[in-house]
Amino acid sequence: MTVTHAPYRREPYIRLRTTSSVIDGKAAAWTRASVLLHWVDGLGRAHNRWVPAENVLRLGRDESSWQDPYDDWAFYYPAAAASAGSSPERAVGLLSTAA
Protein backbone atom coordinates (compact mmCIF):
# COMPACT_ATOMS: atom_id res chain seq x y z
CA MET A 1 0.00 0.00 0.00
CA THR A 2 1.40 3.40 -1.01
CA VAL A 3 0.90 6.33 1.35
CA THR A 4 1.01 9.80 -0.22
CA HIS A 5 1.82 13.01 1.66
CA ALA A 6 1.32 16.61 0.52
CA PRO A 7 4.19 19.06 1.01
CA TYR A 8 4.34 20.48 4.56
CA ARG A 9 1.92 23.38 5.11
CA ARG A 10 0.26 22.67 1.75
CA GLU A 11 -2.05 19.84 2.74
CA PRO A 12 -5.47 19.81 1.04
CA TYR A 13 -8.48 20.80 3.11
CA ILE A 14 -11.16 18.14 3.48
CA ARG A 15 -14.52 17.52 5.14
CA LEU A 16 -15.38 14.24 6.83
CA ARG A 17 -19.09 13.36 6.93
CA THR A 18 -20.36 10.56 9.10
CA THR A 19 -23.86 9.75 10.29
CA SER A 20 -23.19 11.65 13.52
CA SER A 21 -20.72 14.44 12.66
CA VAL A 22 -19.04 16.74 10.16
CA ILE A 23 -15.36 17.56 10.69
CA ASP A 24 -13.30 19.98 8.60
CA GLY A 25 -9.54 19.54 8.59
CA LYS A 26 -6.60 18.68 6.39
CA ALA A 27 -5.49 15.51 4.63
CA ALA A 28 -2.10 14.83 6.18
CA ALA A 29 -1.67 11.59 4.18
CA TRP A 30 -3.76 9.25 2.06
CA THR A 31 -4.02 5.93 0.29
CA ARG A 32 -6.60 4.85 -2.26
CA ALA A 33 -8.86 3.67 0.57
CA SER A 34 -8.11 5.95 3.56
CA VAL A 35 -7.25 9.52 4.48
CA LEU A 36 -5.34 10.69 7.55
CA LEU A 37 -7.55 13.53 8.74
CA HIS A 38 -5.85 16.21 10.88
CA TRP A 39 -7.98 18.77 12.71
CA VAL A 40 -8.04 20.91 15.83
CA ASP A 41 -11.18 20.83 17.97
CA GLY A 42 -12.91 23.71 19.73
CA LEU A 43 -10.72 23.23 22.82
CA GLY A 44 -7.52 23.54 20.79
CA ARG A 45 -6.68 19.82 20.87
CA ALA A 46 -5.12 18.38 17.71
CA HIS A 47 -6.43 15.09 16.37
CA ASN A 48 -5.29 12.68 13.65
CA ARG A 49 -7.47 9.79 12.49
CA TRP A 50 -7.42 7.46 9.51
CA VAL A 51 -10.90 7.63 7.94
CA PRO A 52 -12.46 5.96 4.86
CA ALA A 53 -11.74 7.99 1.71
CA GLU A 54 -15.35 7.55 0.59
CA ASN A 55 -16.48 9.74 3.53
CA VAL A 56 -14.19 12.63 2.63
CA LEU A 57 -14.83 15.63 0.37
CA ARG A 58 -12.05 17.99 -0.76
CA LEU A 59 -12.60 21.66 0.12
CA GLY A 60 -11.06 24.99 -0.66
CA ARG A 61 -9.33 26.64 2.32
CA ASP A 62 -12.07 29.27 2.60
CA GLU A 63 -14.80 26.60 2.64
CA SER A 64 -13.35 24.92 5.72
CA SER A 65 -14.69 25.83 9.16
CA TRP A 66 -11.08 25.52 10.43
CA GLN A 67 -7.97 27.01 8.82
CA ASP A 68 -4.48 26.03 9.86
CA PRO A 69 -2.68 29.20 11.04
CA TYR A 70 0.64 27.77 9.82
CA ASP A 71 -0.42 27.30 6.18
CA ASP A 72 1.85 28.32 3.33
CA TRP A 73 -0.33 31.35 2.59
CA ALA A 74 1.10 31.96 -0.89
CA PHE A 75 0.23 28.38 -1.91
CA TYR A 76 -3.47 28.78 -1.10
CA TYR A 77 -3.77 32.36 -2.46
CA PRO A 78 -1.16 32.69 -5.22
CA ALA A 79 -2.68 35.70 -7.01
CA ALA A 80 -3.20 37.70 -3.83
CA ALA A 81 0.24 36.79 -2.53
CA ALA A 82 1.92 37.94 -5.76
CA SER A 83 0.15 41.30 -5.71
CA ALA A 84 0.77 41.78 -1.99
CA GLY A 85 4.40 40.73 -1.91
CA SER A 86 3.48 37.45 -0.12
CA SER A 87 1.98 39.27 2.85
CA PRO A 88 -1.50 38.11 3.87
CA GLU A 89 -1.95 41.27 5.95
CA ARG A 90 -1.32 43.50 2.94
CA ALA A 91 -3.63 41.42 0.77
CA VAL A 92 -6.54 42.13 3.11
CA GLY A 93 -5.57 45.77 3.58
CA LEU A 94 -4.41 45.59 7.19
CA LEU A 95 -0.97 47.05 6.56
CA SER A 96 -0.23 50.35 4.90
CA THR A 97 1.76 50.03 1.69
CA ALA A 98 2.85 53.67 1.86
CA ALA A 99 6.45 54.20 2.88
PDB file of N, CA and C in Angstrom:
ATOM      1  N   MET A   1       0.848  -1.171   0.000  1.00  0.00           N
ATOM      2  CA  MET A   1       0.000   0.000   0.000  1.00  0.00           C
ATOM      3  C   MET A   1       0.899   1.240   0.000  1.00  0.00           C
ATOM      4  N   THR A   2       0.630   2.165  -0.911  1.00  0.00           N
ATOM      5  CA  THR A   2       1.395   3.402  -1.011  1.00  0.00           C
ATOM      6  C   THR A   2       0.686   4.508  -0.241  1.00  0.00           C
ATOM      7  N   VAL A   3       1.427   5.196   0.614  1.00  0.00           N
ATOM      8  CA  VAL A   3       0.897   6.335   1.354  1.00  0.00           C
ATOM      9  C   VAL A   3       1.481   7.598   0.735  1.00  0.00           C
ATOM     10  N   THR A   4       0.604   8.537   0.392  1.00  0.00           N
ATOM     11  CA  THR A   4       1.011   9.802  -0.219  1.00  0.00           C
ATOM     12  C   THR A   4       0.883  10.915   0.809  1.00  0.00           C
ATOM     13  N   HIS A   5       1.833  11.841   0.773  1.00  0.00           N
ATOM     14  CA  HIS A   5       1.819  13.014   1.658  1.00  0.00           C
ATOM     15  C   HIS A   5       1.913  14.271   0.806  1.00  0.00           C
ATOM     16  N   ALA A   6       1.188  15.303   1.178  1.00  0.00           N
ATOM     17  CA  ALA A   6       1.324  16.607   0.523  1.00  0.00           C
ATOM     18  C   ALA A   6       2.537  17.312   1.119  1.00  0.00           C
ATOM     19  N   PRO A   7       3.098  18.289   0.419  1.00  0.00           N
ATOM     20  CA  PRO A   7       4.191  19.065   1.010  1.00  0.00           C
ATOM     21  C   PRO A   7       3.722  19.743   2.305  1.00  0.00           C
ATOM     22  N   TYR A   8       4.636  19.864   3.257  1.00  0.00           N
ATOM     23  CA  TYR A   8       4.340  20.476   4.555  1.00  0.00           C
ATOM     24  C   TYR A   8       3.740  21.863   4.378  1.00  0.00           C
ATOM     25  N   ARG A   9       2.674  22.133   5.120  1.00  0.00           N
ATOM     26  CA  ARG A   9       1.915  23.381   5.115  1.00  0.00           C
ATOM     27  C   ARG A   9       1.123  23.605   3.835  1.00  0.00           C
ATOM     28  N   ARG A  10       1.023  22.582   2.994  1.00  0.00           N
ATOM     29  CA  ARG A  10       0.258  22.674   1.746  1.00  0.00           C
ATOM     30  C   ARG A  10      -0.737  21.527   1.620  1.00  0.00           C
ATOM     31  N   GLU A  11      -1.131  20.970   2.732  1.00  0.00           N
ATOM     32  CA  GLU A  11      -2.047  19.837   2.738  1.00  0.00           C
ATOM     33  C   GLU A  11      -3.433  20.282   2.267  1.00  0.00           C
ATOM     34  N   PRO A  12      -4.121  19.441   1.502  1.00  0.00           N
ATOM     35  CA  PRO A  12      -5.466  19.812   1.043  1.00  0.00           C
ATOM     36  C   PRO A  12      -6.476  19.808   2.192  1.00  0.00           C
ATOM     37  N   TYR A  13      -7.392  20.751   2.132  1.00  0.00           N
ATOM     38  CA  TYR A  13      -8.483  20.803   3.111  1.00  0.00           C
ATOM     39  C   TYR A  13      -9.551  19.795   2.717  1.00  0.00           C
ATOM     40  N   ILE A  14     -10.136  19.163   3.719  1.00  0.00           N
ATOM     41  CA  ILE A  14     -11.157  18.143   3.480  1.00  0.00           C
ATOM     42  C   ILE A  14     -12.268  18.252   4.524  1.00  0.00           C
ATOM     43  N   ARG A  15     -13.388  17.628   4.204  1.00  0.00           N
ATOM     44  CA  ARG A  15     -14.515  17.524   5.142  1.00  0.00           C
ATOM     45  C   ARG A  15     -14.887  16.059   5.280  1.00  0.00           C
ATOM     46  N   LEU A  16     -14.938  15.594   6.518  1.00  0.00           N
ATOM     47  CA  LEU A  16     -15.383  14.242   6.830  1.00  0.00           C
ATOM     48  C   LEU A  16     -16.844  14.304   7.226  1.00  0.00           C
ATOM     49  N   ARG A  17     -17.664  13.479   6.566  1.00  0.00           N
ATOM     50  CA  ARG A  17     -19.087  13.363   6.931  1.00  0.00           C
ATOM     51  C   ARG A  17     -19.345  11.938   7.396  1.00  0.00           C
ATOM     52  N   THR A  18     -19.898  11.847   8.595  1.00  0.00           N
ATOM     53  CA  THR A  18     -20.358  10.556   9.100  1.00  0.00           C
ATOM     54  C   THR A  18     -21.832  10.714   9.447  1.00  0.00           C
ATOM     55  N   THR A  19     -22.439   9.657   9.921  1.00  0.00           N
ATOM     56  CA  THR A  19     -23.856   9.750  10.295  1.00  0.00           C
ATOM     57  C   THR A  19     -24.065  10.659  11.494  1.00  0.00           C
ATOM     58  N   SER A  20     -23.018  10.863  12.310  1.00  0.00           N
ATOM     59  CA  SER A  20     -23.188  11.653  13.523  1.00  0.00           C
ATOM     60  C   SER A  20     -22.395  12.956  13.560  1.00  0.00           C
ATOM     61  N   SER A  21     -21.528  13.218  12.577  1.00  0.00           N
ATOM     62  CA  SER A  21     -20.721  14.440  12.664  1.00  0.00           C
ATOM     63  C   SER A  21     -20.188  14.887  11.310  1.00  0.00           C
ATOM     64  N   VAL A  22     -19.755  16.147  11.289  1.00  0.00           N
ATOM     65  CA  VAL A  22     -19.044  16.738  10.156  1.00  0.00           C
ATOM     66  C   VAL A  22     -17.798  17.380  10.733  1.00  0.00           C
ATOM     67  N   ILE A  23     -16.622  17.021  10.195  1.00  0.00           N
ATOM     68  CA  ILE A  23     -15.361  17.559  10.690  1.00  0.00           C
ATOM     69  C   ILE A  23     -14.568  18.107   9.510  1.00  0.00           C
ATOM     70  N   ASP A  24     -14.167  19.376   9.599  1.00  0.00           N
ATOM     71  CA  ASP A  24     -13.297  19.976   8.603  1.00  0.00           C
ATOM     72  C   ASP A  24     -11.866  19.924   9.109  1.00  0.00           C
ATOM     73  N   GLY A  25     -10.950  19.615   8.220  1.00  0.00           N
ATOM     74  CA  GLY A  25      -9.543  19.540   8.591  1.00  0.00           C
ATOM     75  C   GLY A  25      -8.680  19.447   7.356  1.00  0.00           C
ATOM     76  N   LYS A  26      -7.541  18.814   7.496  1.00  0.00           N
ATOM     77  CA  LYS A  26      -6.602  18.676   6.386  1.00  0.00           C
ATOM     78  C   LYS A  26      -6.238  17.210   6.191  1.00  0.00           C
ATOM     79  N   ALA A  27      -5.947  16.863   4.943  1.00  0.00           N
ATOM     80  CA  ALA A  27      -5.488  15.512   4.625  1.00  0.00           C
ATOM     81  C   ALA A  27      -3.976  15.484   4.805  1.00  0.00           C
ATOM     82  N   ALA A  28      -3.532  14.894   5.894  1.00  0.00           N
ATOM     83  CA  ALA A  28      -2.098  14.827   6.184  1.00  0.00           C
ATOM     84  C   ALA A  28      -1.421  13.747   5.349  1.00  0.00           C
ATOM     85  N   ALA A  29      -2.175  12.693   5.003  1.00  0.00           N
ATOM     86  CA  ALA A  29      -1.670  11.592   4.180  1.00  0.00           C
ATOM     87  C   ALA A  29      -2.880  10.844   3.640  1.00  0.00           C
ATOM     88  N   TRP A  30      -2.647  10.013   2.609  1.00  0.00           N
ATOM     89  CA  TRP A  30      -3.760   9.247   2.061  1.00  0.00           C
ATOM     90  C   TRP A  30      -3.268   8.058   1.258  1.00  0.00           C
ATOM     91  N   THR A  31      -4.170   7.093   1.164  1.00  0.00           N
ATOM     92  CA  THR A  31      -4.015   5.933   0.288  1.00  0.00           C
ATOM     93  C   THR A  31      -5.246   5.940  -0.615  1.00  0.00           C
ATOM     94  N   ARG A  32      -5.396   4.915  -1.429  1.00  0.00           N
ATOM     95  CA  ARG A  32      -6.602   4.846  -2.260  1.00  0.00           C
ATOM     96  C   ARG A  32      -7.858   4.629  -1.414  1.00  0.00           C
ATOM     97  N   ALA A  33      -7.706   4.031  -0.251  1.00  0.00           N
ATOM     98  CA  ALA A  33      -8.865   3.666   0.569  1.00  0.00           C
ATOM     99  C   ALA A  33      -9.078   4.539   1.802  1.00  0.00           C
ATOM    100  N   SER A  34      -8.026   5.215   2.291  1.00  0.00           N
ATOM    101  CA  SER A  34      -8.112   5.946   3.562  1.00  0.00           C
ATOM    102  C   SER A  34      -7.410   7.298   3.479  1.00  0.00           C
ATOM    103  N   VAL A  35      -7.845   8.188   4.368  1.00  0.00           N
ATOM    104  CA  VAL A  35      -7.250   9.518   4.476  1.00  0.00           C
ATOM    105  C   VAL A  35      -6.913   9.771   5.936  1.00  0.00           C
ATOM    106  N   LEU A  36      -5.714  10.296   6.192  1.00  0.00           N
ATOM    107  CA  LEU A  36      -5.336  10.688   7.546  1.00  0.00           C
ATOM    108  C   LEU A  36      -5.811  12.117   7.767  1.00  0.00           C
ATOM    109  N   LEU A  37      -6.920  12.244   8.468  1.00  0.00           N
ATOM    110  CA  LEU A  37      -7.545  13.533   8.742  1.00  0.00           C
ATOM    111  C   LEU A  37      -6.885  14.175   9.949  1.00  0.00           C
ATOM    112  N   HIS A  38      -6.432  15.431   9.777  1.00  0.00           N
ATOM    113  CA  HIS A  38      -5.850  16.215  10.879  1.00  0.00           C
ATOM    114  C   HIS A  38      -6.781  17.398  11.114  1.00  0.00           C
ATOM    115  N   TRP A  39      -7.164  17.608  12.372  1.00  0.00           N
ATOM    116  CA  TRP A  39      -7.979  18.765  12.714  1.00  0.00           C
ATOM    117  C   TRP A  39      -7.715  19.169  14.151  1.00  0.00           C
ATOM    118  N   VAL A  40      -8.150  20.389  14.470  1.00  0.00           N
ATOM    119  CA  VAL A  40      -8.043  20.910  15.829  1.00  0.00           C
ATOM    120  C   VAL A  40      -9.465  21.194  16.302  1.00  0.00           C
ATOM    121  N   ASP A  41      -9.817  20.662  17.470  1.00  0.00           N
ATOM    122  CA  ASP A  41     -11.184  20.826  17.969  1.00  0.00           C
ATOM    123  C   ASP A  41     -11.373  22.185  18.641  1.00  0.00           C
ATOM    124  N   GLY A  42     -12.571  22.434  19.111  1.00  0.00           N
ATOM    125  CA  GLY A  42     -12.911  23.711  19.734  1.00  0.00           C
ATOM    126  C   GLY A  42     -12.138  24.022  21.002  1.00  0.00           C
ATOM    127  N   LEU A  43     -11.534  23.026  21.617  1.00  0.00           N
ATOM    128  CA  LEU A  43     -10.723  23.230  22.821  1.00  0.00           C
ATOM    129  C   LEU A  43      -9.232  23.355  22.497  1.00  0.00           C
ATOM    130  N   GLY A  44      -8.911  23.384  21.198  1.00  0.00           N
ATOM    131  CA  GLY A  44      -7.520  23.542  20.793  1.00  0.00           C
ATOM    132  C   GLY A  44      -6.710  22.256  20.778  1.00  0.00           C
ATOM    133  N   ARG A  45      -7.380  21.113  20.889  1.00  0.00           N
ATOM    134  CA  ARG A  45      -6.677  19.824  20.866  1.00  0.00           C
ATOM    135  C   ARG A  45      -6.551  19.320  19.441  1.00  0.00           C
ATOM    136  N   ALA A  46      -5.352  18.921  19.054  1.00  0.00           N
ATOM    137  CA  ALA A  46      -5.117  18.377  17.712  1.00  0.00           C
ATOM    138  C   ALA A  46      -5.467  16.899  17.683  1.00  0.00           C
ATOM    139  N   HIS A  47      -6.050  16.477  16.578  1.00  0.00           N
ATOM    140  CA  HIS A  47      -6.433  15.085  16.375  1.00  0.00           C
ATOM    141  C   HIS A  47      -5.949  14.609  15.013  1.00  0.00           C
ATOM    142  N   ASN A  48      -5.637  13.339  14.903  1.00  0.00           N
ATOM    143  CA  ASN A  48      -5.286  12.684  13.650  1.00  0.00           C
ATOM    144  C   ASN A  48      -5.964  11.324  13.637  1.00  0.00           C
ATOM    145  N   ARG A  49      -6.761  11.058  12.596  1.00  0.00           N
ATOM    146  CA  ARG A  49      -7.470   9.785  12.494  1.00  0.00           C
ATOM    147  C   ARG A  49      -7.479   9.329  11.037  1.00  0.00           C
ATOM    148  N   TRP A  50      -7.231   8.047  10.833  1.00  0.00           N
ATOM    149  CA  TRP A  50      -7.420   7.464   9.509  1.00  0.00           C
ATOM    150  C   TRP A  50      -8.913   7.242   9.323  1.00  0.00           C
ATOM    151  N   VAL A  51      -9.468   7.750   8.221  1.00  0.00           N
ATOM    152  CA  VAL A  51     -10.899   7.626   7.938  1.00  0.00           C
ATOM    153  C   VAL A  51     -11.079   7.086   6.516  1.00  0.00           C
ATOM    154  N   PRO A  52     -12.221   6.469   6.217  1.00  0.00           N
ATOM    155  CA  PRO A  52     -12.459   5.963   4.863  1.00  0.00           C
ATOM    156  C   PRO A  52     -12.496   7.106   3.847  1.00  0.00           C
ATOM    157  N   ALA A  53     -11.801   6.953   2.745  1.00  0.00           N
ATOM    158  CA  ALA A  53     -11.745   7.993   1.713  1.00  0.00           C
ATOM    159  C   ALA A  53     -13.129   8.313   1.161  1.00  0.00           C
ATOM    160  N   GLU A  54     -14.009   7.330   1.132  1.00  0.00           N
ATOM    161  CA  GLU A  54     -15.355   7.547   0.587  1.00  0.00           C
ATOM    162  C   GLU A  54     -16.185   8.530   1.424  1.00  0.00           C
ATOM    163  N   ASN A  55     -15.762   8.803   2.663  1.00  0.00           N
ATOM    164  CA  ASN A  55     -16.483   9.736   3.533  1.00  0.00           C
ATOM    165  C   ASN A  55     -15.890  11.140   3.519  1.00  0.00           C
ATOM    166  N   VAL A  56     -14.926  11.374   2.639  1.00  0.00           N
ATOM    167  CA  VAL A  56     -14.189  12.633   2.630  1.00  0.00           C
ATOM    168  C   VAL A  56     -14.475  13.408   1.344  1.00  0.00           C
ATOM    169  N   LEU A  57     -14.640  14.724   1.493  1.00  0.00           N
ATOM    170  CA  LEU A  57     -14.833  15.635   0.368  1.00  0.00           C
ATOM    171  C   LEU A  57     -13.736  16.684   0.415  1.00  0.00           C
ATOM    172  N   ARG A  58     -13.097  16.960  -0.717  1.00  0.00           N
ATOM    173  CA  ARG A  58     -12.055  17.987  -0.755  1.00  0.00           C
ATOM    174  C   ARG A  58     -12.708  19.360  -0.761  1.00  0.00           C
ATOM    175  N   LEU A  59     -12.100  20.291  -0.010  1.00  0.00           N
ATOM    176  CA  LEU A  59     -12.603  21.659   0.116  1.00  0.00           C
ATOM    177  C   LEU A  59     -11.534  22.665  -0.265  1.00  0.00           C
ATOM    178  N   GLY A  60     -11.978  23.872  -0.582  1.00  0.00           N
ATOM    179  CA  GLY A  60     -11.056  24.993  -0.656  1.00  0.00           C
ATOM    180  C   GLY A  60     -10.784  25.473   0.759  1.00  0.00           C
ATOM    181  N   ARG A  61      -9.677  26.167   0.974  1.00  0.00           N
ATOM    182  CA  ARG A  61      -9.329  26.644   2.319  1.00  0.00           C
ATOM    183  C   ARG A  61     -10.444  27.498   2.913  1.00  0.00           C
ATOM    184  N   ASP A  62     -11.029  28.373   2.101  1.00  0.00           N
ATOM    185  CA  ASP A  62     -12.073  29.272   2.600  1.00  0.00           C
ATOM    186  C   ASP A  62     -13.390  28.564   2.900  1.00  0.00           C
ATOM    187  N   GLU A  63     -13.578  27.370   2.372  1.00  0.00           N
ATOM    188  CA  GLU A  63     -14.796  26.604   2.640  1.00  0.00           C
ATOM    189  C   GLU A  63     -14.728  25.859   3.969  1.00  0.00           C
ATOM    190  N   SER A  64     -13.537  25.678   4.490  1.00  0.00           N
ATOM    191  CA  SER A  64     -13.352  24.916   5.721  1.00  0.00           C
ATOM    192  C   SER A  64     -13.731  25.757   6.944  1.00  0.00           C
ATOM    193  N   SER A  65     -14.358  25.126   7.917  1.00  0.00           N
ATOM    194  CA  SER A  65     -14.692  25.834   9.160  1.00  0.00           C
ATOM    195  C   SER A  65     -13.456  26.035  10.041  1.00  0.00           C
ATOM    196  N   TRP A  66     -12.351  25.363   9.711  1.00  0.00           N
ATOM    197  CA  TRP A  66     -11.084  25.519  10.426  1.00  0.00           C
ATOM    198  C   TRP A  66      -9.978  25.755   9.408  1.00  0.00           C
ATOM    199  N   GLN A  67      -9.137  26.765   9.661  1.00  0.00           N
ATOM    200  CA  GLN A  67      -7.970  27.006   8.824  1.00  0.00           C
ATOM    201  C   GLN A  67      -6.722  26.903   9.689  1.00  0.00           C
ATOM    202  N   ASP A  68      -5.747  26.203   9.171  1.00  0.00           N
ATOM    203  CA  ASP A  68      -4.478  26.028   9.861  1.00  0.00           C
ATOM    204  C   ASP A  68      -3.720  27.355   9.854  1.00  0.00           C
ATOM    205  N   PRO A  69      -3.383  27.904  11.017  1.00  0.00           N
ATOM    206  CA  PRO A  69      -2.681  29.201  11.044  1.00  0.00           C
ATOM    207  C   PRO A  69      -1.253  29.130  10.501  1.00  0.00           C
ATOM    208  N   TYR A  70      -0.731  27.929  10.313  1.00  0.00           N
ATOM    209  CA  TYR A  70       0.639  27.769   9.823  1.00  0.00           C
ATOM    210  C   TYR A  70       0.701  27.427   8.337  1.00  0.00           C
ATOM    211  N   ASP A  71      -0.405  27.592   7.612  1.00  0.00           N
ATOM    212  CA  ASP A  71      -0.423  27.303   6.183  1.00  0.00           C
ATOM    213  C   ASP A  71       0.611  28.126   5.424  1.00  0.00           C
ATOM    214  N   ASP A  72       1.050  27.573   4.299  1.00  0.00           N
ATOM    215  CA  ASP A  72       1.848  28.318   3.329  1.00  0.00           C
ATOM    216  C   ASP A  72       0.850  29.212   2.597  1.00  0.00           C
ATOM    217  N   TRP A  73       0.717  30.449   3.054  1.00  0.00           N
ATOM    218  CA  TRP A  73      -0.326  31.349   2.592  1.00  0.00           C
ATOM    219  C   TRP A  73      -0.253  31.560   1.081  1.00  0.00           C
ATOM    220  N   ALA A  74       0.943  31.720   0.547  1.00  0.00           N
ATOM    221  CA  ALA A  74       1.105  31.961  -0.888  1.00  0.00           C
ATOM    222  C   ALA A  74       0.632  30.770  -1.727  1.00  0.00           C
ATOM    223  N   PHE A  75       0.692  29.567  -1.192  1.00  0.00           N
ATOM    224  CA  PHE A  75       0.231  28.379  -1.910  1.00  0.00           C
ATOM    225  C   PHE A  75      -1.290  28.412  -2.085  1.00  0.00           C
ATOM    226  N   TYR A  76      -2.019  28.788  -1.043  1.00  0.00           N
ATOM    227  CA  TYR A  76      -3.473  28.783  -1.097  1.00  0.00           C
ATOM    228  C   TYR A  76      -4.046  29.997  -1.817  1.00  0.00           C
ATOM    229  N   TYR A  77      -3.303  31.117  -1.828  1.00  0.00           N
ATOM    230  CA  TYR A  77      -3.768  32.360  -2.456  1.00  0.00           C
ATOM    231  C   TYR A  77      -2.673  32.937  -3.348  1.00  0.00           C
ATOM    232  N   PRO A  78      -2.307  32.246  -4.426  1.00  0.00           N
ATOM    233  CA  PRO A  78      -1.158  32.692  -5.224  1.00  0.00           C
ATOM    234  C   PRO A  78      -1.327  34.072  -5.853  1.00  0.00           C
ATOM    235  N   ALA A  79      -2.494  34.401  -6.362  1.00  0.00           N
ATOM    236  CA  ALA A  79      -2.676  35.699  -7.011  1.00  0.00           C
ATOM    237  C   ALA A  79      -2.591  36.834  -5.997  1.00  0.00           C
ATOM    238  N   ALA A  80      -3.241  36.664  -4.862  1.00  0.00           N
ATOM    239  CA  ALA A  80      -3.203  37.702  -3.828  1.00  0.00           C
ATOM    240  C   ALA A  80      -1.806  37.851  -3.255  1.00  0.00           C
ATOM    241  N   ALA A  81      -1.114  36.747  -3.081  1.00  0.00           N
ATOM    242  CA  ALA A  81       0.242  36.788  -2.531  1.00  0.00           C
ATOM    243  C   ALA A  81       1.185  37.508  -3.478  1.00  0.00           C
ATOM    244  N   ALA A  82       1.042  37.280  -4.778  1.00  0.00           N
ATOM    245  CA  ALA A  82       1.916  37.936  -5.756  1.00  0.00           C
ATOM    246  C   ALA A  82       1.687  39.436  -5.756  1.00  0.00           C
ATOM    247  N   SER A  83       0.437  39.861  -5.683  1.00  0.00           N
ATOM    248  CA  SER A  83       0.152  41.295  -5.709  1.00  0.00           C
ATOM    249  C   SER A  83       0.452  41.973  -4.387  1.00  0.00           C
ATOM    250  N   ALA A  84       0.528  41.201  -3.310  1.00  0.00           N
ATOM    251  CA  ALA A  84       0.772  41.776  -1.986  1.00  0.00           C
ATOM    252  C   ALA A  84       2.195  41.546  -1.510  1.00  0.00           C
ATOM    253  N   GLY A  85       3.033  41.012  -2.352  1.00  0.00           N
ATOM    254  CA  GLY A  85       4.399  40.731  -1.910  1.00  0.00           C
ATOM    255  C   GLY A  85       4.448  39.622  -0.890  1.00  0.00           C
ATOM    256  N   SER A  86       3.551  38.629  -1.004  1.00  0.00           N
ATOM    257  CA  SER A  86       3.477  37.454  -0.124  1.00  0.00           C
ATOM    258  C   SER A  86       3.081  37.793   1.302  1.00  0.00           C
ATOM    259  N   SER A  87       2.420  38.904   1.507  1.00  0.00           N
ATOM    260  CA  SER A  87       1.983  39.271   2.853  1.00  0.00           C
ATOM    261  C   SER A  87       0.473  39.159   2.957  1.00  0.00           C
ATOM    262  N   PRO A  88      -0.048  38.228   3.752  1.00  0.00           N
ATOM    263  CA  PRO A  88      -1.501  38.109   3.875  1.00  0.00           C
ATOM    264  C   PRO A  88      -2.129  39.359   4.466  1.00  0.00           C
ATOM    265  N   GLU A  89      -1.409  40.052   5.339  1.00  0.00           N
ATOM    266  CA  GLU A  89      -1.950  41.267   5.947  1.00  0.00           C
ATOM    267  C   GLU A  89      -2.129  42.353   4.900  1.00  0.00           C
ATOM    268  N   ARG A  90      -1.181  42.492   3.993  1.00  0.00           N
ATOM    269  CA  ARG A  90      -1.318  43.500   2.940  1.00  0.00           C
ATOM    270  C   ARG A  90      -2.435  43.138   1.989  1.00  0.00           C
ATOM    271  N   ALA A  91      -2.602  41.856   1.715  1.00  0.00           N
ATOM    272  CA  ALA A  91      -3.631  41.419   0.774  1.00  0.00           C
ATOM    273  C   ALA A  91      -5.023  41.761   1.275  1.00  0.00           C
ATOM    274  N   VAL A  92      -5.229  41.792   2.565  1.00  0.00           N
ATOM    275  CA  VAL A  92      -6.543  42.135   3.109  1.00  0.00           C
ATOM    276  C   VAL A  92      -6.584  43.571   3.594  1.00  0.00           C
ATOM    277  N   GLY A  93      -5.554  44.351   3.286  1.00  0.00           N
ATOM    278  CA  GLY A  93      -5.569  45.775   3.575  1.00  0.00           C
ATOM    279  C   GLY A  93      -5.309  46.145   5.019  1.00  0.00           C
ATOM    280  N   LEU A  94      -4.649  45.288   5.793  1.00  0.00           N
ATOM    281  CA  LEU A  94      -4.406  45.595   7.189  1.00  0.00           C
ATOM    282  C   LEU A  94      -3.108  46.375   7.414  1.00  0.00           C
ATOM    283  N   LEU A  95      -2.203  46.316   6.455  1.00  0.00           N
ATOM    284  CA  LEU A  95      -0.968  47.055   6.564  1.00  0.00           C
ATOM    285  C   LEU A  95      -0.920  48.141   5.517  1.00  0.00           C
ATOM    286  N   SER A  96      -0.387  49.271   5.869  1.00  0.00           N
ATOM    287  CA  SER A  96      -0.229  50.355   4.895  1.00  0.00           C
ATOM    288  C   SER A  96       0.894  50.004   3.940  1.00  0.00           C
ATOM    289  N   THR A  97       0.699  50.277   2.667  1.00  0.00           N
ATOM    290  CA  THR A  97       1.759  50.032   1.688  1.00  0.00           C
ATOM    291  C   THR A  97       2.535  51.313   1.424  1.00  0.00           C
ATOM    292  N   ALA A  98       2.133  52.406   2.035  1.00  0.00           N
ATOM    293  CA  ALA A  98       2.853  53.668   1.861  1.00  0.00           C
ATOM    294  C   ALA A  98       4.122  53.645   2.713  1.00  0.00           C
ATOM    295  N   ALA A  99       5.185  54.182   2.152  1.00  0.00           N
ATOM    296  CA  ALA A  99       6.451  54.204   2.883  1.00  0.00           C
ATOM    297  C   ALA A  99       6.570  55.432   3.752  1.00  0.00           C
TER     298      ALA A  99
END
